[in-house]
Amino acid sequence: MTTKERTPIPRMVRIGNRKYSIEIVEAMLKKSWRGSVTYDQRRIHIARNSNVSGRRFNDQEMQATFWHEMTHAILHDMGHSLHLNERFVDEFSIRLAKAIKTARF
């Protein structure tokens, strides 16, 4: 797979002992959010469209949101307070996504 190819967003992932469903939604309810994770309901939501401008997110933007929310969920599963630190989650998820996208087997 080349770095330009789209990596699909899964429908379900297991983080620790919990299964999370991943749902693509038209837009988030909270202003300017692109995604969210609800730990008690074990759901990750990824927005297809901006709830501010109405613009449709491209595949790369949706992938970035997916990895961002996955990082929140992993840190939460670890019991680490960094799951609340948006700057850390942003920086880590960008690097994680790039590492996965550029991996060669």
PDB file of N, CA and C in Angstrom:
ATOM      1  N   MET A   1       0.859  -1.181   0.000  1.00  0.00           N
ATOM      2  CA  MET A   1       0.000   0.000   0.000  1.00  0.00           C
ATOM      3  C   MET A   1       0.898   1.234   0.000  1.00  0.00           C
ATOM      4  N   THR A   2       0.635   2.175  -0.879  1.00  0.00           N
ATOM      5  CA  THR A   2       1.407   3.419  -0.893  1.00  0.00           C
ATOM      6  C   THR A   2       0.810   4.380   0.122  1.00  0.00           C
ATOM      7  N   THR A   3       1.589   5.421   0.448  1.00  0.00           N
ATOM      8  CA  THR A   3       1.104   6.377   1.451  1.00  0.00           C
ATOM      9  C   THR A   3      -0.095   7.168   0.959  1.00  0.00           C
ATOM     10  N   LYS A   4      -0.360   7.141  -0.350  1.00  0.00           N
ATOM     11  CA  LYS A   4      -1.515   7.872  -0.870  1.00  0.00           C
ATOM     12  C   LYS A   4      -2.793   7.049  -0.833  1.00  0.00           C
ATOM     13  N   GLU A   5      -2.671   5.741  -0.618  1.00  0.00           N
ATOM     14  CA  GLU A   5      -3.853   4.898  -0.565  1.00  0.00           C
ATOM     15  C   GLU A   5      -4.601   5.114   0.741  1.00  0.00           C
ATOM     16  N   ARG A   6      -5.885   4.985   0.654  1.00  0.00           N
ATOM     17  CA  ARG A   6      -6.761   5.192   1.808  1.00  0.00           C
ATOM     18  C   ARG A   6      -6.741   3.965   2.715  1.00  0.00           C
ATOM     19  N   THR A   7      -6.570   4.198   4.003  1.00  0.00           N
ATOM     20  CA  THR A   7      -6.671   3.137   4.995  1.00  0.00           C
ATOM     21  C   THR A   7      -8.100   3.163   5.525  1.00  0.00           C
ATOM     22  N   PRO A   8      -8.808   2.049   5.430  1.00  0.00           N
ATOM     23  CA  PRO A   8     -10.204   2.068   5.893  1.00  0.00           C
ATOM     24  C   PRO A   8     -10.311   2.256   7.403  1.00  0.00           C
ATOM     25  N   ILE A   9     -11.379   2.891   7.816  1.00  0.00           N
ATOM     26  CA  ILE A   9     -11.682   3.038   9.240  1.00  0.00           C
ATOM     27  C   ILE A   9     -12.456   1.785   9.647  1.00  0.00           C
ATOM     28  N   PRO A  10     -11.989   1.101  10.693  1.00  0.00           N
ATOM     29  CA  PRO A  10     -12.678  -0.137  11.092  1.00  0.00           C
ATOM     30  C   PRO A  10     -14.053   0.144  11.688  1.00  0.00           C
ATOM     31  N   ARG A  11     -14.868  -0.871  11.762  1.00  0.00           N
ATOM     32  CA  ARG A  11     -16.187  -0.762  12.394  1.00  0.00           C
ATOM     33  C   ARG A  11     -16.129  -1.072  13.874  1.00  0.00           C
ATOM     34  N   MET A  12     -15.071  -1.816  14.279  1.00  0.00           N
ATOM     35  CA  MET A  12     -14.930  -2.211  15.678  1.00  0.00           C
ATOM     36  C   MET A  12     -13.452  -2.404  15.975  1.00  0.00           C
ATOM     37  N   VAL A  13     -13.061  -2.053  17.202  1.00  0.00           N
ATOM     38  CA  VAL A  13     -11.702  -2.320  17.682  1.00  0.00           C
ATOM     39  C   VAL A  13     -11.788  -2.793  19.127  1.00  0.00           C
ATOM     40  N   ARG A  14     -10.782  -3.531  19.523  1.00  0.00           N
ATOM     41  CA  ARG A  14     -10.682  -3.940  20.919  1.00  0.00           C
ATOM     42  C   ARG A  14      -9.545  -3.145  21.538  1.00  0.00           C
ATOM     43  N   ILE A  15      -9.850  -2.476  22.638  1.00  0.00           N
ATOM     44  CA  ILE A  15      -8.860  -1.711  23.395  1.00  0.00           C
ATOM     45  C   ILE A  15      -8.873  -2.298  24.793  1.00  0.00           C
ATOM     46  N   GLY A  16      -7.790  -2.963  25.153  1.00  0.00           N
ATOM     47  CA  GLY A  16      -7.766  -3.685  26.419  1.00  0.00           C
ATOM     48  C   GLY A  16      -8.803  -4.790  26.372  1.00  0.00           C
ATOM     49  N   ASN A  17      -9.669  -4.835  27.353  1.00  0.00           N
ATOM     50  CA  ASN A  17     -10.722  -5.858  27.403  1.00  0.00           C
ATOM     51  C   ASN A  17     -12.049  -5.372  26.842  1.00  0.00           C
ATOM     52  N   ARG A  18     -12.056  -4.191  26.234  1.00  0.00           N
ATOM     53  CA  ARG A  18     -13.316  -3.606  25.765  1.00  0.00           C
ATOM     54  C   ARG A  18     -13.366  -3.486  24.256  1.00  0.00           C
ATOM     55  N   LYS A  19     -14.526  -3.780  23.718  1.00  0.00           N
ATOM     56  CA  LYS A  19     -14.762  -3.571  22.291  1.00  0.00           C
ATOM     57  C   LYS A  19     -15.411  -2.211  22.109  1.00  0.00           C
ATOM     58  N   TYR A  20     -14.900  -1.440  21.164  1.00  0.00           N
ATOM     59  CA  TYR A  20     -15.471  -0.143  20.815  1.00  0.00           C
ATOM     60  C   TYR A  20     -16.028  -0.233  19.408  1.00  0.00           C
ATOM     61  N   SER A  21     -17.250   0.248  19.220  1.00  0.00           N
ATOM     62  CA  SER A  21     -17.792   0.353  17.873  1.00  0.00           C
ATOM     63  C   SER A  21     -17.409   1.724  17.322  1.00  0.00           C
ATOM     64  N   ILE A  22     -17.121   1.764  16.040  1.00  0.00           N
ATOM     65  CA  ILE A  22     -16.773   3.027  15.386  1.00  0.00           C
ATOM     66  C   ILE A  22     -17.902   3.355  14.431  1.00  0.00           C
ATOM     67  N   GLU A  23     -18.453   4.545  14.601  1.00  0.00           N
ATOM     68  CA  GLU A  23     -19.585   4.970  13.791  1.00  0.00           C
ATOM     69  C   GLU A  23     -19.249   6.268  13.081  1.00  0.00           C
ATOM     70  N   ILE A  24     -19.506   6.290  11.779  1.00  0.00           N
ATOM     71  CA  ILE A  24     -19.365   7.513  10.988  1.00  0.00           C
ATOM     72  C   ILE A  24     -20.709   8.227  11.054  1.00  0.00           C
ATOM     73  N   VAL A  25     -20.685   9.466  11.528  1.00  0.00           N
ATOM     74  CA  VAL A  25     -21.912  10.254  11.656  1.00  0.00           C
ATOM     75  C   VAL A  25     -21.828  11.452  10.713  1.00  0.00           C
ATOM     76  N   GLU A  26     -22.956  12.020  10.372  1.00  0.00           N
ATOM     77  CA  GLU A  26     -22.965  13.164   9.450  1.00  0.00           C
ATOM     78  C   GLU A  26     -22.196  14.345  10.021  1.00  0.00           C
ATOM     79  N   ALA A  27     -22.449  14.686  11.288  1.00  0.00           N
ATOM     80  CA  ALA A  27     -21.754  15.793  11.961  1.00  0.00           C
ATOM     81  C   ALA A  27     -21.883  15.577  13.462  1.00  0.00           C
ATOM     82  N   MET A  28     -20.959  16.160  14.190  1.00  0.00           N
ATOM     83  CA  MET A  28     -20.995  16.074  15.650  1.00  0.00           C
ATOM     84  C   MET A  28     -21.983  17.119  16.184  1.00  0.00           C
ATOM     85  N   LEU A  29     -22.501  16.874  17.373  1.00  0.00           N
ATOM     86  CA  LEU A  29     -23.421  17.826  17.978  1.00  0.00           C
ATOM     87  C   LEU A  29     -22.691  19.016  18.583  1.00  0.00           C
ATOM     88  N   LYS A  30     -21.517  18.791  19.156  1.00  0.00           N
ATOM     89  CA  LYS A  30     -20.755  19.881  19.777  1.00  0.00           C
ATOM     90  C   LYS A  30     -20.012  20.669  18.711  1.00  0.00           C
ATOM     91  N   LYS A  31     -20.079  21.969  18.838  1.00  0.00           N
ATOM     92  CA  LYS A  31     -19.492  22.870  17.842  1.00  0.00           C
ATOM     93  C   LYS A  31     -17.990  22.636  17.688  1.00  0.00           C
ATOM     94  N   SER A  32     -17.566  22.506  16.457  1.00  0.00           N
ATOM     95  CA  SER A  32     -16.186  22.348  15.997  1.00  0.00           C
ATOM     96  C   SER A  32     -15.567  20.983  16.302  1.00  0.00           C
ATOM     97  N   TRP A  33     -16.308  20.061  16.893  1.00  0.00           N
ATOM     98  CA  TRP A  33     -15.775  18.721  17.113  1.00  0.00           C
ATOM     99  C   TRP A  33     -15.794  17.940  15.811  1.00  0.00           C
ATOM    100  N   ARG A  34     -14.781  17.097  15.622  1.00  0.00           N
ATOM    101  CA  ARG A  34     -14.713  16.207  14.457  1.00  0.00           C
ATOM    102  C   ARG A  34     -14.968  14.762  14.839  1.00  0.00           C
ATOM    103  N   GLY A  35     -14.884  14.476  16.129  1.00  0.00           N
ATOM    104  CA  GLY A  35     -15.084  13.119  16.611  1.00  0.00           C
ATOM    105  C   GLY A  35     -15.219  13.114  18.114  1.00  0.00           C
ATOM    106  N   SER A  36     -15.546  11.948  18.650  1.00  0.00           N
ATOM    107  CA  SER A  36     -15.658  11.798  20.099  1.00  0.00           C
ATOM    108  C   SER A  36     -15.541  10.330  20.463  1.00  0.00           C
ATOM    109  N   VAL A  37     -15.207  10.105  21.716  1.00  0.00           N
ATOM    110  CA  VAL A  37     -15.212   8.749  22.257  1.00  0.00           C
ATOM    111  C   VAL A  37     -16.025   8.787  23.543  1.00  0.00           C
ATOM    112  N   THR A  38     -16.928   7.837  23.685  1.00  0.00           N
ATOM    113  CA  THR A  38     -17.687   7.698  24.927  1.00  0.00           C
ATOM    114  C   THR A  38     -17.262   6.376  25.551  1.00  0.00           C
ATOM    115  N   TYR A  39     -16.583   6.486  26.684  1.00  0.00           N
ATOM    116  CA  TYR A  39     -15.989   5.314  27.316  1.00  0.00           C
ATOM    117  C   TYR A  39     -17.045   4.364  27.868  1.00  0.00           C
ATOM    118  N   ASP A  40     -18.096   4.902  28.492  1.00  0.00           N
ATOM    119  CA  ASP A  40     -19.113   4.038  29.087  1.00  0.00           C
ATOM    120  C   ASP A  40     -19.945   3.315  28.029  1.00  0.00           C
ATOM    121  N   GLN A  41     -20.185   3.950  26.899  1.00  0.00           N
ATOM    122  CA  GLN A  41     -20.954   3.321  25.827  1.00  0.00           C
ATOM    123  C   GLN A  41     -20.057   2.576  24.833  1.00  0.00           C
ATOM    124  N   ARG A  42     -18.746   2.764  24.985  1.00  0.00           N
ATOM    125  CA  ARG A  42     -17.755   2.108  24.126  1.00  0.00           C
ATOM    126  C   ARG A  42     -18.006   2.397  22.651  1.00  0.00           C
ATOM    127  N   ARG A  43     -18.101   3.686  22.368  1.00  0.00           N
ATOM    128  CA  ARG A  43     -18.327   4.132  20.986  1.00  0.00           C
ATOM    129  C   ARG A  43     -17.357   5.226  20.609  1.00  0.00           C
ATOM    130  N   ILE A  44     -16.928   5.168  19.371  1.00  0.00           N
ATOM    131  CA  ILE A  44     -16.132   6.239  18.783  1.00  0.00           C
ATOM    132  C   ILE A  44     -16.937   6.769  17.615  1.00  0.00           C
ATOM    133  N   HIS A  45     -17.176   8.075  17.605  1.00  0.00           N
ATOM    134  CA  HIS A  45     -17.900   8.711  16.507  1.00  0.00           C
ATOM    135  C   HIS A  45     -16.923   9.550  15.685  1.00  0.00           C
ATOM    136  N   ILE A  46     -17.023   9.438  14.383  1.00  0.00           N
ATOM    137  CA  ILE A  46     -16.210  10.212  13.449  1.00  0.00           C
ATOM    138  C   ILE A  46     -17.167  10.985  12.551  1.00  0.00           C
ATOM    139  N   ALA A  47     -16.989  12.299  12.486  1.00  0.00           N
ATOM    140  CA  ALA A  47     -17.879  13.132  11.669  1.00  0.00           C
ATOM    141  C   ALA A  47     -17.484  13.081  10.201  1.00  0.00           C
ATOM    142  N   ARG A  48     -18.483  13.042   9.359  1.00  0.00           N
ATOM    143  CA  ARG A  48     -18.291  13.098   7.907  1.00  0.00           C
ATOM    144  C   ARG A  48     -18.228  14.560   7.431  1.00  0.00           C
ATOM    145  N   ASN A  49     -18.919  15.443   8.150  1.00  0.00           N
ATOM    146  CA  ASN A  49     -19.021  16.848   7.758  1.00  0.00           C
ATOM    147  C   ASN A  49     -18.749  17.767   8.941  1.00  0.00           C
ATOM    148  N   SER A  50     -18.251  18.957   8.643  1.00  0.00           N
ATOM    149  CA  SER A  50     -18.028  19.975   9.672  1.00  0.00           C
ATOM    150  C   SER A  50     -19.378  20.495  10.155  1.00  0.00           C
ATOM    151  N   ASN A  51     -19.521  20.633  11.462  1.00  0.00           N
ATOM    152  CA  ASN A  51     -20.760  21.199  11.999  1.00  0.00           C
ATOM    153  C   ASN A  51     -20.677  22.719  12.095  1.00  0.00           C
ATOM    154  N   VAL A  52     -19.579  23.291  11.600  1.00  0.00           N
ATOM    155  CA  VAL A  52     -19.431  24.743  11.570  1.00  0.00           C
ATOM    156  C   VAL A  52     -19.658  25.253  10.147  1.00  0.00           C
ATOM    157  N   SER A  53     -18.907  24.696   9.195  1.00  0.00           N
ATOM    158  CA  SER A  53     -18.982  25.176   7.808  1.00  0.00           C
ATOM    159  C   SER A  53     -19.852  24.301   6.908  1.00  0.00           C
ATOM    160  N   GLY A  54     -20.113  23.073   7.347  1.00  0.00           N
ATOM    161  CA  GLY A  54     -20.857  22.141   6.511  1.00  0.00           C
ATOM    162  C   GLY A  54     -19.977  21.420   5.501  1.00  0.00           C
ATOM    163  N   ARG A  55     -18.696  21.758   5.467  1.00  0.00           N
ATOM    164  CA  ARG A  55     -17.758  21.157   4.526  1.00  0.00           C
ATOM    165  C   ARG A  55     -17.577  19.676   4.826  1.00  0.00           C
ATOM    166  N   ARG A  56     -17.465  18.887   3.781  1.00  0.00           N
ATOM    167  CA  ARG A  56     -17.240  17.445   3.929  1.00  0.00           C
ATOM    168  C   ARG A  56     -15.755  17.199   4.194  1.00  0.00           C
ATOM    169  N   PHE A  57     -15.457  16.385   5.208  1.00  0.00           N
ATOM    170  CA  PHE A  57     -14.075  16.038   5.512  1.00  0.00           C
ATOM    171  C   PHE A  57     -13.567  15.014   4.496  1.00  0.00           C
ATOM    172  N   ASN A  58     -12.309  15.146   4.119  1.00  0.00           N
ATOM    173  CA  ASN A  58     -11.747  14.162   3.198  1.00  0.00           C
ATOM    174  C   ASN A  58     -11.290  12.937   3.998  1.00  0.00           C
ATOM    175  N   ASP A  59     -10.889  11.891   3.280  1.00  0.00           N
ATOM    176  CA  ASP A  59     -10.492  10.641   3.936  1.00  0.00           C
ATOM    177  C   ASP A  59      -9.348  10.846   4.917  1.00  0.00           C
ATOM    178  N   GLN A  60      -8.379  11.647   4.551  1.00  0.00           N
ATOM    179  CA  GLN A  60      -7.227  11.891   5.418  1.00  0.00           C
ATOM    180  C   GLN A  60      -7.642  12.573   6.724  1.00  0.00           C
ATOM    181  N   GLU A  61      -8.559  13.513   6.645  1.00  0.00           N
ATOM    182  CA  GLU A  61      -9.042  14.196   7.842  1.00  0.00           C
ATOM    183  C   GLU A  61      -9.828  13.242   8.748  1.00  0.00           C
ATOM    184  N   MET A  62     -10.630  12.382   8.135  1.00  0.00           N
ATOM    185  CA  MET A  62     -11.395  11.418   8.923  1.00  0.00           C
ATOM    186  C   MET A  62     -10.465  10.389   9.576  1.00  0.00           C
ATOM    187  N   GLN A  63      -9.422   9.972   8.859  1.00  0.00           N
ATOM    188  CA  GLN A  63      -8.426   9.060   9.434  1.00  0.00           C
ATOM    189  C   GLN A  63      -7.738   9.716  10.635  1.00  0.00           C
ATOM    190  N   ALA A  64      -7.358  10.978  10.492  1.00  0.00           N
ATOM    191  CA  ALA A  64      -6.701  11.702  11.581  1.00  0.00           C
ATOM    192  C   ALA A  64      -7.615  11.755  12.807  1.00  0.00           C
ATOM    193  N   THR A  65      -8.897  11.981  12.583  1.00  0.00           N
ATOM    194  CA  THR A  65      -9.857  12.010  13.685  1.00  0.00           C
ATOM    195  C   THR A  65      -9.963  10.637  14.339  1.00  0.00           C
ATOM    196  N   PHE A  66     -10.002   9.593  13.524  1.00  0.00           N
ATOM    197  CA  PHE A  66     -10.061   8.232  14.055  1.00  0.00           C
ATOM    198  C   PHE A  66      -8.871   7.956  14.975  1.00  0.00           C
ATOM    199  N   TRP A  67      -7.652   8.252  14.527  1.00  0.00           N
ATOM    200  CA  TRP A  67      -6.466   7.987  15.344  1.00  0.00           C
ATOM    201  C   TRP A  67      -6.440   8.870  16.596  1.00  0.00           C
ATOM    202  N   HIS A  68      -6.950  10.072  16.485  1.00  0.00           N
ATOM    203  CA  HIS A  68      -7.037  10.960  17.641  1.00  0.00           C
ATOM    204  C   HIS A  68      -7.943  10.335  18.706  1.00  0.00           C
ATOM    205  N   GLU A  69      -9.120   9.890  18.306  1.00  0.00           N
ATOM    206  CA  GLU A  69     -10.065   9.298  19.261  1.00  0.00           C
ATOM    207  C   GLU A  69      -9.552   7.967  19.794  1.00  0.00           C
ATOM    208  N   MET A  70      -8.852   7.198  18.955  1.00  0.00           N
ATOM    209  CA  MET A  70      -8.240   5.948  19.418  1.00  0.00           C
ATOM    210  C   MET A  70      -7.208   6.232  20.499  1.00  0.00           C
ATOM    211  N   THR A  71      -6.424   7.287  20.328  1.00  0.00           N
ATOM    212  CA  THR A  71      -5.422   7.650  21.324  1.00  0.00           C
ATOM    213  C   THR A  71      -6.090   7.980  22.652  1.00  0.00           C
ATOM    214  N   HIS A  72      -7.184   8.741  22.606  1.00  0.00           N
ATOM    215  CA  HIS A  72      -7.944   9.027  23.842  1.00  0.00           C
ATOM    216  C   HIS A  72      -8.347   7.709  24.513  1.00  0.00           C
ATOM    217  N   ALA A  73      -8.923   6.793  23.735  1.00  0.00           N
ATOM    218  CA  ALA A  73      -9.437   5.539  24.290  1.00  0.00           C
ATOM    219  C   ALA A  73      -8.319   4.667  24.862  1.00  0.00           C
ATOM    220  N   ILE A  74      -7.185   4.601  24.191  1.00  0.00           N
ATOM    221  CA  ILE A  74      -6.064   3.795  24.682  1.00  0.00           C
ATOM    222  C   ILE A  74      -5.537   4.367  25.990  1.00  0.00           C
ATOM    223  N   LEU A  75      -5.327   5.672  26.032  1.00  0.00           N
ATOM    224  CA  LEU A  75      -4.831   6.300  27.261  1.00  0.00           C
ATOM    225  C   LEU A  75      -5.824   6.136  28.412  1.00  0.00           C
ATOM    226  N   HIS A  76      -7.114   6.243  28.099  1.00  0.00           N
ATOM    227  CA  HIS A  76      -8.142   6.040  29.124  1.00  0.00           C
ATOM    228  C   HIS A  76      -8.087   4.607  29.643  1.00  0.00           C
ATOM    229  N   ASP A  77      -7.940   3.644  28.741  1.00  0.00           N
ATOM    230  CA  ASP A  77      -7.852   2.241  29.135  1.00  0.00           C
ATOM    231  C   ASP A  77      -6.636   1.997  30.034  1.00  0.00           C
ATOM    232  N   MET A  78      -5.563   2.730  29.794  1.00  0.00           N
ATOM    233  CA  MET A  78      -4.352   2.618  30.609  1.00  0.00           C
ATOM    234  C   MET A  78      -4.516   3.291  31.972  1.00  0.00           C
ATOM    235  N   GLY A  79      -5.597   4.054  32.135  1.00  0.00           N
ATOM    236  CA  GLY A  79      -5.816   4.790  33.374  1.00  0.00           C
ATOM    237  C   GLY A  79      -4.928   6.014  33.479  1.00  0.00           C
ATOM    238  N   HIS A  80      -4.476   6.502  32.337  1.00  0.00           N
ATOM    239  CA  HIS A  80      -3.548   7.628  32.314  1.00  0.00           C
ATOM    240  C   HIS A  80      -4.303   8.948  32.143  1.00  0.00           C
ATOM    241  N   SER A  81      -3.932   9.937  32.930  1.00  0.00           N
ATOM    242  CA  SER A  81      -4.599  11.239  32.868  1.00  0.00           C
ATOM    243  C   SER A  81      -4.330  11.970  31.546  1.00  0.00           C
ATOM    244  N   LEU A  82      -3.330  11.526  30.782  1.00  0.00           N
ATOM    245  CA  LEU A  82      -3.054  12.174  29.495  1.00  0.00           C
ATOM    246  C   LEU A  82      -4.217  12.038  28.510  1.00  0.00           C
ATOM    247  N   HIS A  83      -5.161  11.155  28.794  1.00  0.00           N
ATOM    248  CA  HIS A  83      -6.310  11.051  27.883  1.00  0.00           C
ATOM    249  C   HIS A  83      -7.130  12.350  27.857  1.00  0.00           C
ATOM    250  N   LEU A  84      -6.907  13.217  28.839  1.00  0.00           N
ATOM    251  CA  LEU A  84      -7.596  14.508  28.894  1.00  0.00           C
ATOM    252  C   LEU A  84      -6.782  15.647  28.277  1.00  0.00           C
ATOM    253  N   ASN A  85      -5.555  15.378  27.883  1.00  0.00           N
ATOM    254  CA  ASN A  85      -4.645  16.400  27.379  1.00  0.00           C
ATOM    255  C   ASN A  85      -4.719  16.446  25.850  1.00  0.00           C
ATOM    256  N   GLU A  86      -5.494  17.389  25.322  1.00  0.00           N
ATOM    257  CA  GLU A  86      -5.716  17.460  23.867  1.00  0.00           C
ATOM    258  C   GLU A  86      -4.424  17.680  23.081  1.00  0.00           C
ATOM    259  N   ARG A  87      -3.527  18.495  23.612  1.00  0.00           N
ATOM    260  CA  ARG A  87      -2.277  18.741  22.892  1.00  0.00           C
ATOM    261  C   ARG A  87      -1.461  17.451  22.769  1.00  0.00           C
ATOM    262  N   PHE A  88      -1.334  16.715  23.871  1.00  0.00           N
ATOM    263  CA  PHE A  88      -0.606  15.448  23.820  1.00  0.00           C
ATOM    264  C   PHE A  88      -1.283  14.481  22.863  1.00  0.00           C
ATOM    265  N   VAL A  89      -2.603  14.333  22.980  1.00  0.00           N
ATOM    266  CA  VAL A  89      -3.350  13.401  22.132  1.00  0.00           C
ATOM    267  C   VAL A  89      -3.165  13.769  20.656  1.00  0.00           C
ATOM    268  N   ASP A  90      -3.236  15.053  20.318  1.00  0.00           N
ATOM    269  CA  ASP A  90      -3.011  15.496  18.942  1.00  0.00           C
ATOM    270  C   ASP A  90      -1.633  15.087  18.445  1.00  0.00           C
ATOM    271  N   GLU A  91      -0.618  15.443  19.199  1.00  0.00           N
ATOM    272  CA  GLU A  91       0.765  15.175  18.774  1.00  0.00           C
ATOM    273  C   GLU A  91       1.044  13.679  18.663  1.00  0.00           C
ATOM    274  N   PHE A  92       0.573  12.911  19.632  1.00  0.00           N
ATOM    275  CA  PHE A  92       0.798  11.471  19.603  1.00  0.00           C
ATOM    276  C   PHE A  92       0.051  10.817  18.452  1.00  0.00           C
ATOM    277  N   SER A  93      -1.212  11.182  18.270  1.00  0.00           N
ATOM    278  CA  SER A  93      -2.018  10.530  17.230  1.00  0.00           C
ATOM    279  C   SER A  93      -1.507  10.846  15.828  1.00  0.00           C
ATOM    280  N   ILE A  94      -0.959  12.034  15.612  1.00  0.00           N
ATOM    281  CA  ILE A  94      -0.372  12.375  14.312  1.00  0.00           C
ATOM    282  C   ILE A  94       0.801  11.445  14.024  1.00  0.00           C
ATOM    283  N   ARG A  95       1.652  11.235  15.003  1.00  0.00           N
ATOM    284  CA  ARG A  95       2.812  10.369  14.823  1.00  0.00           C
ATOM    285  C   ARG A  95       2.410   8.907  14.679  1.00  0.00           C
ATOM    286  N   LEU A  96       1.413   8.474  15.445  1.00  0.00           N
ATOM    287  CA  LEU A  96       0.921   7.105  15.347  1.00  0.00           C
ATOM    288  C   LEU A  96       0.354   6.833  13.956  1.00  0.00           C
ATOM    289  N   ALA A  97      -0.486   7.724  13.479  1.00  0.00           N
ATOM    290  CA  ALA A  97      -1.094   7.552  12.155  1.00  0.00           C
ATOM    291  C   ALA A  97      -0.037   7.494  11.063  1.00  0.00           C
ATOM    292  N   LYS A  98       0.960   8.354  11.151  1.00  0.00           N
ATOM    293  CA  LYS A  98       2.020   8.357  10.140  1.00  0.00           C
ATOM    294  C   LYS A  98       2.823   7.064  10.184  1.00  0.00           C
ATOM    295  N   ALA A  99       3.143   6.594  11.383  1.00  0.00           N
ATOM    296  CA  ALA A  99       3.902   5.350  11.522  1.00  0.00           C
ATOM    297  C   ALA A  99       3.121   4.175  10.912  1.00  0.00           C
ATOM    298  N   ILE A 100       1.824   4.104  11.187  1.00  0.00           N
ATOM    299  CA  ILE A 100       1.010   3.012  10.659  1.00  0.00           C
ATOM    300  C   ILE A 100       0.869   3.132   9.148  1.00  0.00           C
ATOM    301  N   LYS A 101       0.653   4.337   8.674  1.00  0.00           N
ATOM    302  CA  LYS A 101       0.448   4.542   7.239  1.00  0.00           C
ATOM    303  C   LYS A 101       1.707   4.237   6.425  1.00  0.00           C
ATOM    304  N   THR A 102       2.873   4.461   7.002  1.00  0.00           N
ATOM    305  CA  THR A 102       4.120   4.254   6.265  1.00  0.00           C
ATOM    306  C   THR A 102       4.757   2.896   6.542  1.00  0.00           C
ATOM    307  N   ALA A 103       4.126   2.064   7.382  1.00  0.00           N
ATOM    308  CA  ALA A 103       4.686   0.750   7.705  1.00  0.00           C
ATOM    309  C   ALA A 103       4.694  -0.137   6.453  1.00  0.00           C
ATOM    310  N   ARG A 104       5.739  -0.895   6.316  1.00  0.00           N
ATOM    311  CA  ARG A 104       5.875  -1.830   5.197  1.00  0.00           C
ATOM    312  C   ARG A 104       6.120  -3.230   5.763  1.00  0.00           C
ATOM    313  N   PHE A 105       5.426  -4.210   5.232  1.00  0.00           N
ATOM    314  CA  PHE A 105       5.545  -5.587   5.714  1.00  0.00           C
ATOM    315  C   PHE A 105       6.103  -6.475   4.620  1.00  0.00           C
TER     316      PHE A 105
END
